[in-house]
């Protein structure tokens, strides 16, 4: 079945939905992330679409799109990589990753919030099996660089985190710690879940407790 690329806005006061006209380049996509910045912008990053690129080996996207709530329009975001990244890394295309929002103490832009992304998979074939995908464990932060030209900068945060398989969840606490929850390993139809935290100020990872074994993914059958 085909994917639906319509954007809908839900008004909590009127208890109603509104369909929004799309940008011609805004494609149908799944397994992406959405975050809200300063209650006026929605950022969409990554995800999978069969039309995302002309390269048959790249099934996931690394595009960033912004939905301006005041104009109700999508636009692609121009991004650059902070030049002090020494290993020539870039934000690789990914699906099934996680995202969170943290507040910035200082910023040249009017909105002092930024998006963090972590992990996910890089889909290489027409299947979601582990052999066909590359698990990702990197952490990136997207920061507004200039309000006038509307350019955003990707900053890579080191070191890489644990490789936690899909599905996983992430949450920012007090703008200082990023908590990550996901599957660390599978064995004989059992799922081994772990909780990790990443302290932004020191760049350190910490595992909380032991792995938790479950016979199925929460919310799904065995």
C-alpha atoms as a PDB file:
ATOM      1  CA  UNK A   1       0.000   0.000   0.000  1.00  0.00           C
ATOM      2  CA  UNK A   2       1.169   3.554  -0.701  1.00  0.00           C
ATOM      3  CA  UNK A   3       2.193   5.927   2.075  1.00  0.00           C
ATOM      4  CA  UNK A   4       0.226   9.076   2.836  1.00  0.00           C
ATOM      5  CA  UNK A   5       2.207  12.339   2.812  1.00  0.00           C
ATOM      6  CA  UNK A   6      -0.534  14.594   4.143  1.00  0.00           C
ATOM      7  CA  UNK A   7       0.124  16.760   7.195  1.00  0.00           C
ATOM      8  CA  UNK A   8      -2.665  17.141   9.733  1.00  0.00           C
ATOM      9  CA  UNK A   9      -2.958  19.655  12.571  1.00  0.00           C
ATOM     10  CA  UNK A  10      -5.111  18.904  15.596  1.00  0.00           C
ATOM     11  CA  UNK A  11      -6.685  21.852  17.417  1.00  0.00           C
ATOM     12  CA  UNK A  12      -7.240  20.921  21.060  1.00  0.00           C
ATOM     13  CA  UNK A  13      -9.646  23.804  21.665  1.00  0.00           C
ATOM     14  CA  UNK A  14     -12.010  23.066  18.786  1.00  0.00           C
ATOM     15  CA  UNK A  15     -11.362  19.305  18.884  1.00  0.00           C
ATOM     16  CA  UNK A  16     -10.878  19.286  15.126  1.00  0.00           C
ATOM     17  CA  UNK A  17      -8.339  18.237  12.489  1.00  0.00           C
ATOM     18  CA  UNK A  18      -7.055  20.393   9.621  1.00  0.00           C
ATOM     19  CA  UNK A  19      -5.314  19.055   6.477  1.00  0.00           C
ATOM     20  CA  UNK A  20      -2.394  21.171   5.259  1.00  0.00           C
ATOM     21  CA  UNK A  21      -1.271  21.532   1.647  1.00  0.00           C
ATOM     22  CA  UNK A  22       2.153  20.002   1.032  1.00  0.00           C
ATOM     23  CA  UNK A  23       5.381  21.301  -0.423  1.00  0.00           C
ATOM     24  CA  UNK A  24       5.921  19.515  -3.747  1.00  0.00           C
ATOM     25  CA  UNK A  25       9.206  18.033  -2.472  1.00  0.00           C
ATOM     26  CA  UNK A  26       7.798  16.869   0.860  1.00  0.00           C
ATOM     27  CA  UNK A  27       7.499  13.117   0.324  1.00  0.00           C
ATOM     28  CA  UNK A  28       5.703  10.324   2.110  1.00  0.00           C
ATOM     29  CA  UNK A  29       7.973   8.964   4.818  1.00  0.00           C
ATOM     30  CA  UNK A  30       7.923   6.598   7.814  1.00  0.00           C
ATOM     31  CA  UNK A  31      10.253   5.748  10.736  1.00  0.00           C
ATOM     32  CA  UNK A  32      11.304   9.413  11.082  1.00  0.00           C
ATOM     33  CA  UNK A  33      11.317  11.722  14.116  1.00  0.00           C
ATOM     34  CA  UNK A  34       9.387  14.915  14.875  1.00  0.00           C
ATOM     35  CA  UNK A  35      10.219  17.445  17.586  1.00  0.00           C
ATOM     36  CA  UNK A  36       8.788  20.875  18.422  1.00  0.00           C
ATOM     37  CA  UNK A  37      11.079  23.866  18.972  1.00  0.00           C
ATOM     38  CA  UNK A  38       9.915  26.908  20.939  1.00  0.00           C
ATOM     39  CA  UNK A  39       6.255  26.020  20.325  1.00  0.00           C
ATOM     40  CA  UNK A  40       6.394  27.438  16.812  1.00  0.00           C
ATOM     41  CA  UNK A  41       8.463  25.066  14.678  1.00  0.00           C
ATOM     42  CA  UNK A  42       8.357  21.322  14.023  1.00  0.00           C
ATOM     43  CA  UNK A  43      11.538  19.590  12.870  1.00  0.00           C
ATOM     44  CA  UNK A  44      11.409  16.341  10.935  1.00  0.00           C
ATOM     45  CA  UNK A  45      14.584  14.345  10.452  1.00  0.00           C
ATOM     46  CA  UNK A  46      15.433  11.143   8.603  1.00  0.00           C
ATOM     47  CA  UNK A  47      13.039   8.313   7.937  1.00  0.00           C
ATOM     48  CA  UNK A  48      12.381   5.919   5.091  1.00  0.00           C
ATOM     49  CA  UNK A  49      10.828   6.542   1.710  1.00  0.00           C
ATOM     50  CA  UNK A  50      11.173   4.501  -1.461  1.00  0.00           C
ATOM     51  CA  UNK A  51      11.556   7.813  -3.336  1.00  0.00           C
ATOM     52  CA  UNK A  52      13.986   9.461  -0.959  1.00  0.00           C
ATOM     53  CA  UNK A  53      17.001   9.202  -3.271  1.00  0.00           C
ATOM     54  CA  UNK A  54      18.005   8.001  -6.699  1.00  0.00           C
ATOM     55  CA  UNK A  55      20.666   5.730  -5.177  1.00  0.00           C
ATOM     56  CA  UNK A  56      19.115   2.263  -4.815  1.00  0.00           C
ATOM     57  CA  UNK A  57      21.360   1.460  -1.833  1.00  0.00           C
ATOM     58  CA  UNK A  58      20.197   4.482   0.158  1.00  0.00           C
ATOM     59  CA  UNK A  59      16.691   3.799   1.417  1.00  0.00           C
ATOM     60  CA  UNK A  60      16.830   6.123   4.427  1.00  0.00           C
ATOM     61  CA  UNK A  61      17.021   9.909   4.447  1.00  0.00           C
ATOM     62  CA  UNK A  62      19.256  12.396   6.239  1.00  0.00           C
ATOM     63  CA  UNK A  63      17.197  15.414   5.245  1.00  0.00           C
ATOM     64  CA  UNK A  64      15.912  17.892   7.821  1.00  0.00           C
ATOM     65  CA  UNK A  65      12.556  19.583   7.224  1.00  0.00           C
ATOM     66  CA  UNK A  66      10.903  22.359   9.199  1.00  0.00           C
ATOM     67  CA  UNK A  67       7.180  23.033   9.531  1.00  0.00           C
ATOM     68  CA  UNK A  68       6.450  26.641  10.453  1.00  0.00           C
ATOM     69  CA  UNK A  69       3.271  26.627  12.522  1.00  0.00           C
ATOM     70  CA  UNK A  70       2.539  30.270  11.684  1.00  0.00           C
ATOM     71  CA  UNK A  71       2.663  29.669   7.896  1.00  0.00           C
ATOM     72  CA  UNK A  72       1.649  25.992   7.960  1.00  0.00           C
ATOM     73  CA  UNK A  73       4.248  25.115   5.350  1.00  0.00           C
ATOM     74  CA  UNK A  74       7.118  22.662   5.127  1.00  0.00           C
ATOM     75  CA  UNK A  75      10.570  23.752   3.951  1.00  0.00           C
ATOM     76  CA  UNK A  76      13.835  21.877   3.728  1.00  0.00           C
ATOM     77  CA  UNK A  77      16.464  23.073   6.205  1.00  0.00           C
ATOM     78  CA  UNK A  78      19.946  24.002   5.037  1.00  0.00           C
ATOM     79  CA  UNK A  79      22.458  22.302   7.323  1.00  0.00           C
ATOM     80  CA  UNK A  80      26.247  22.337   7.648  1.00  0.00           C
ATOM     81  CA  UNK A  81      28.684  20.204   9.664  1.00  0.00           C
ATOM     82  CA  UNK A  82      30.756  21.914  12.359  1.00  0.00           C
ATOM     83  CA  UNK A  83      34.282  21.989  10.891  1.00  0.00           C
ATOM     84  CA  UNK A  84      36.063  20.695  14.006  1.00  0.00           C
ATOM     85  CA  UNK A  85      34.858  17.153  13.248  1.00  0.00           C
ATOM     86  CA  UNK A  86      38.194  15.473  12.529  1.00  0.00           C
ATOM     87  CA  UNK A  87      37.089  12.082  11.204  1.00  0.00           C
ATOM     88  CA  UNK A  88      35.205  13.394   8.141  1.00  0.00           C
ATOM     89  CA  UNK A  89      31.968  12.128   9.633  1.00  0.00           C
ATOM     90  CA  UNK A  90      28.561  13.292   8.509  1.00  0.00           C
ATOM     91  CA  UNK A  91      24.995  12.719   9.584  1.00  0.00           C
ATOM     92  CA  UNK A  92      24.314   9.468   7.770  1.00  0.00           C
ATOM     93  CA  UNK A  93      20.871   8.593   6.400  1.00  0.00           C
ATOM     94  CA  UNK A  94      18.885   6.745   9.072  1.00  0.00           C
ATOM     95  CA  UNK A  95      15.508   5.349  10.088  1.00  0.00           C
ATOM     96  CA  UNK A  96      14.036   4.254  13.423  1.00  0.00           C
ATOM     97  CA  UNK A  97      16.293   6.643  15.345  1.00  0.00           C
ATOM     98  CA  UNK A  98      15.244   8.763  18.317  1.00  0.00           C
ATOM     99  CA  UNK A  99      15.180  12.504  18.972  1.00  0.00           C
ATOM    100  CA  UNK A 100      14.829  14.889  21.913  1.00  0.00           C
ATOM    101  CA  UNK A 101      14.924  18.648  22.577  1.00  0.00           C
ATOM    102  CA  UNK A 102      17.252  20.525  24.936  1.00  0.00           C
ATOM    103  CA  UNK A 103      17.388  24.211  25.879  1.00  0.00           C
ATOM    104  CA  UNK A 104      20.527  26.201  25.038  1.00  0.00           C
ATOM    105  CA  UNK A 105      22.059  28.660  27.487  1.00  0.00           C
ATOM    106  CA  UNK A 106      23.092  30.915  24.617  1.00  0.00           C
ATOM    107  CA  UNK A 107      22.274  31.035  20.925  1.00  0.00           C
ATOM    108  CA  UNK A 108      22.543  33.578  18.084  1.00  0.00           C
ATOM    109  CA  UNK A 109      18.958  32.743  17.166  1.00  0.00           C
ATOM    110  CA  UNK A 110      15.672  33.750  18.763  1.00  0.00           C
ATOM    111  CA  UNK A 111      14.747  30.113  19.479  1.00  0.00           C
ATOM    112  CA  UNK A 112      17.131  28.745  22.092  1.00  0.00           C
ATOM    113  CA  UNK A 113      16.215  25.084  21.738  1.00  0.00           C
ATOM    114  CA  UNK A 114      18.020  22.400  19.764  1.00  0.00           C
ATOM    115  CA  UNK A 115      17.365  18.863  18.579  1.00  0.00           C
ATOM    116  CA  UNK A 116      19.405  15.809  19.566  1.00  0.00           C
ATOM    117  CA  UNK A 117      19.291  12.598  17.528  1.00  0.00           C
ATOM    118  CA  UNK A 118      20.664   9.213  18.521  1.00  0.00           C
ATOM    119  CA  UNK A 119      21.143   5.850  16.847  1.00  0.00           C
ATOM    120  CA  UNK A 120      18.773   4.211  14.416  1.00  0.00           C
ATOM    121  CA  UNK A 121      19.512   1.980  11.458  1.00  0.00           C
ATOM    122  CA  UNK A 122      20.820   2.619   7.983  1.00  0.00           C
ATOM    123  CA  UNK A 123      18.627   0.558   5.685  1.00  0.00           C
ATOM    124  CA  UNK A 124      20.531  -0.900   2.742  1.00  0.00           C
ATOM    125  CA  UNK A 125      18.138  -3.445   1.245  1.00  0.00           C
ATOM    126  CA  UNK A 126      14.438  -4.180   0.879  1.00  0.00           C
ATOM    127  CA  UNK A 127      14.222  -5.926   4.241  1.00  0.00           C
ATOM    128  CA  UNK A 128      14.513  -4.937   7.898  1.00  0.00           C
ATOM    129  CA  UNK A 129      16.621  -7.984   8.852  1.00  0.00           C
ATOM    130  CA  UNK A 130      19.803  -7.279  10.819  1.00  0.00           C
ATOM    131  CA  UNK A 131      21.937  -8.550   7.945  1.00  0.00           C
ATOM    132  CA  UNK A 132      20.502  -5.879   5.639  1.00  0.00           C
ATOM    133  CA  UNK A 133      20.949  -2.934   7.977  1.00  0.00           C
ATOM    134  CA  UNK A 134      23.742  -1.121   9.774  1.00  0.00           C
ATOM    135  CA  UNK A 135      23.039  -0.191  13.389  1.00  0.00           C
ATOM    136  CA  UNK A 136      24.057   3.346  14.347  1.00  0.00           C
ATOM    137  CA  UNK A 137      25.275   4.556  17.739  1.00  0.00           C
ATOM    138  CA  UNK A 138      26.246   8.185  17.104  1.00  0.00           C
ATOM    139  CA  UNK A 139      24.799  11.310  18.766  1.00  0.00           C
ATOM    140  CA  UNK A 140      24.265  14.603  16.932  1.00  0.00           C
ATOM    141  CA  UNK A 141      22.931  18.000  17.951  1.00  0.00           C
ATOM    142  CA  UNK A 142      21.291  20.411  15.489  1.00  0.00           C
ATOM    143  CA  UNK A 143      21.832  24.061  16.461  1.00  0.00           C
ATOM    144  CA  UNK A 144      20.529  27.211  14.802  1.00  0.00           C
ATOM    145  CA  UNK A 145      23.458  29.173  13.380  1.00  0.00           C
ATOM    146  CA  UNK A 146      21.784  32.233  11.865  1.00  0.00           C
ATOM    147  CA  UNK A 147      18.173  33.437  12.067  1.00  0.00           C
ATOM    148  CA  UNK A 148      18.477  35.625   8.985  1.00  0.00           C
ATOM    149  CA  UNK A 149      19.792  33.031   6.538  1.00  0.00           C
ATOM    150  CA  UNK A 150      18.081  30.173   8.412  1.00  0.00           C
ATOM    151  CA  UNK A 151      21.098  27.859   8.482  1.00  0.00           C
ATOM    152  CA  UNK A 152      21.460  25.079  11.053  1.00  0.00           C
ATOM    153  CA  UNK A 153      24.652  23.367  12.147  1.00  0.00           C
ATOM    154  CA  UNK A 154      25.139  19.689  12.996  1.00  0.00           C
ATOM    155  CA  UNK A 155      27.504  19.104  15.926  1.00  0.00           C
ATOM    156  CA  UNK A 156      28.684  15.574  16.635  1.00  0.00           C
ATOM    157  CA  UNK A 157      28.797  14.624  20.322  1.00  0.00           C
ATOM    158  CA  UNK A 158      31.396  12.117  21.487  1.00  0.00           C
ATOM    159  CA  UNK A 159      31.827   9.340  22.351  1.00  0.00           C
ATOM    160  CA  UNK A 160      29.374   7.082  20.536  1.00  0.00           C
ATOM    161  CA  UNK A 161      26.759   5.365  22.673  1.00  0.00           C
ATOM    162  CA  UNK A 162      25.679   1.724  23.066  1.00  0.00           C
ATOM    163  CA  UNK A 163      24.208   0.049  20.004  1.00  0.00           C
ATOM    164  CA  UNK A 164      20.584  -0.357  20.987  1.00  0.00           C
ATOM    165  CA  UNK A 165      18.314  -1.931  18.415  1.00  0.00           C
ATOM    166  CA  UNK A 166      14.912  -0.651  17.368  1.00  0.00           C
ATOM    167  CA  UNK A 167      12.634   0.123  19.062  1.00  0.00           C
ATOM    168  CA  UNK A 168      14.233   2.546  21.495  1.00  0.00           C
ATOM    169  CA  UNK A 169      13.201   5.706  23.304  1.00  0.00           C
ATOM    170  CA  UNK A 170      15.093   8.806  24.363  1.00  0.00           C
ATOM    171  CA  UNK A 171      14.316  11.671  26.739  1.00  0.00           C
ATOM    172  CA  UNK A 172      16.237  14.760  27.855  1.00  0.00           C
ATOM    173  CA  UNK A 173      16.227  15.572  31.571  1.00  0.00           C
ATOM    174  CA  UNK A 174      16.957  19.059  32.915  1.00  0.00           C
ATOM    175  CA  UNK A 175      18.799  19.889  29.660  1.00  0.00           C
ATOM    176  CA  UNK A 176      21.850  18.044  30.979  1.00  0.00           C
ATOM    177  CA  UNK A 177      21.251  14.292  30.640  1.00  0.00           C
ATOM    178  CA  UNK A 178      19.973  12.220  27.740  1.00  0.00           C
ATOM    179  CA  UNK A 179      18.309   8.933  28.742  1.00  0.00           C
ATOM    180  CA  UNK A 180      18.184   6.110  26.187  1.00  0.00           C
ATOM    181  CA  UNK A 181      16.161   2.893  26.365  1.00  0.00           C
ATOM    182  CA  UNK A 182      16.320   0.047  23.862  1.00  0.00           C
ATOM    183  CA  UNK A 183      17.165  -3.544  22.983  1.00  0.00           C
ATOM    184  CA  UNK A 184      20.813  -4.435  23.547  1.00  0.00           C
ATOM    185  CA  UNK A 185      20.586  -8.042  22.322  1.00  0.00           C
ATOM    186  CA  UNK A 186      18.162 -10.753  21.239  1.00  0.00           C
ATOM    187  CA  UNK A 187      18.470 -14.469  21.947  1.00  0.00           C
ATOM    188  CA  UNK A 188      15.946 -17.243  21.300  1.00  0.00           C
ATOM    189  CA  UNK A 189      12.996 -14.879  20.940  1.00  0.00           C
ATOM    190  CA  UNK A 190      13.949 -12.977  24.084  1.00  0.00           C
ATOM    191  CA  UNK A 191      14.669  -9.241  24.113  1.00  0.00           C
ATOM    192  CA  UNK A 192      17.307  -7.807  26.462  1.00  0.00           C
ATOM    193  CA  UNK A 193      16.522  -4.170  27.287  1.00  0.00           C
ATOM    194  CA  UNK A 194      18.946  -1.638  28.745  1.00  0.00           C
ATOM    195  CA  UNK A 195      18.786   1.940  30.047  1.00  0.00           C
ATOM    196  CA  UNK A 196      21.725   4.285  29.477  1.00  0.00           C
ATOM    197  CA  UNK A 197      22.300   7.965  30.179  1.00  0.00           C
ATOM    198  CA  UNK A 198      24.567  10.444  28.413  1.00  0.00           C
ATOM    199  CA  UNK A 199      25.743  13.540  30.292  1.00  0.00           C
ATOM    200  CA  UNK A 200      26.044  16.398  27.822  1.00  0.00           C
ATOM    201  CA  UNK A 201      28.515  18.450  29.872  1.00  0.00           C
ATOM    202  CA  UNK A 202      31.099  15.681  30.236  1.00  0.00           C
ATOM    203  CA  UNK A 203      30.366  13.466  27.237  1.00  0.00           C
ATOM    204  CA  UNK A 204      30.110  10.323  29.381  1.00  0.00           C
ATOM    205  CA  UNK A 205      27.801   7.298  29.124  1.00  0.00           C
ATOM    206  CA  UNK A 206      26.492   5.364  32.124  1.00  0.00           C
ATOM    207  CA  UNK A 207      24.538   2.090  32.182  1.00  0.00           C
ATOM    208  CA  UNK A 208      21.702   1.888  34.729  1.00  0.00           C
ATOM    209  CA  UNK A 209      21.178  -1.534  36.306  1.00  0.00           C
ATOM    210  CA  UNK A 210      21.255  -4.881  34.538  1.00  0.00           C
ATOM    211  CA  UNK A 211      19.671  -5.905  31.258  1.00  0.00           C
ATOM    212  CA  UNK A 212      15.962  -6.732  31.507  1.00  0.00           C
ATOM    213  CA  UNK A 213      14.801  -9.838  29.666  1.00  0.00           C
ATOM    214  CA  UNK A 214      11.383  -9.886  27.997  1.00  0.00           C
ATOM    215  CA  UNK A 215       9.741 -12.412  25.712  1.00  0.00           C
ATOM    216  CA  UNK A 216       8.281  -9.742  23.437  1.00  0.00           C
ATOM    217  CA  UNK A 217       8.480  -6.087  22.578  1.00  0.00           C
ATOM    218  CA  UNK A 218       6.241  -4.050  24.919  1.00  0.00           C
ATOM    219  CA  UNK A 219       2.914  -3.493  23.201  1.00  0.00           C
ATOM    220  CA  UNK A 220       3.453  -6.295  20.688  1.00  0.00           C
ATOM    221  CA  UNK A 221       2.929 -10.024  20.642  1.00  0.00           C
ATOM    222  CA  UNK A 222       5.661 -12.633  20.705  1.00  0.00           C
END
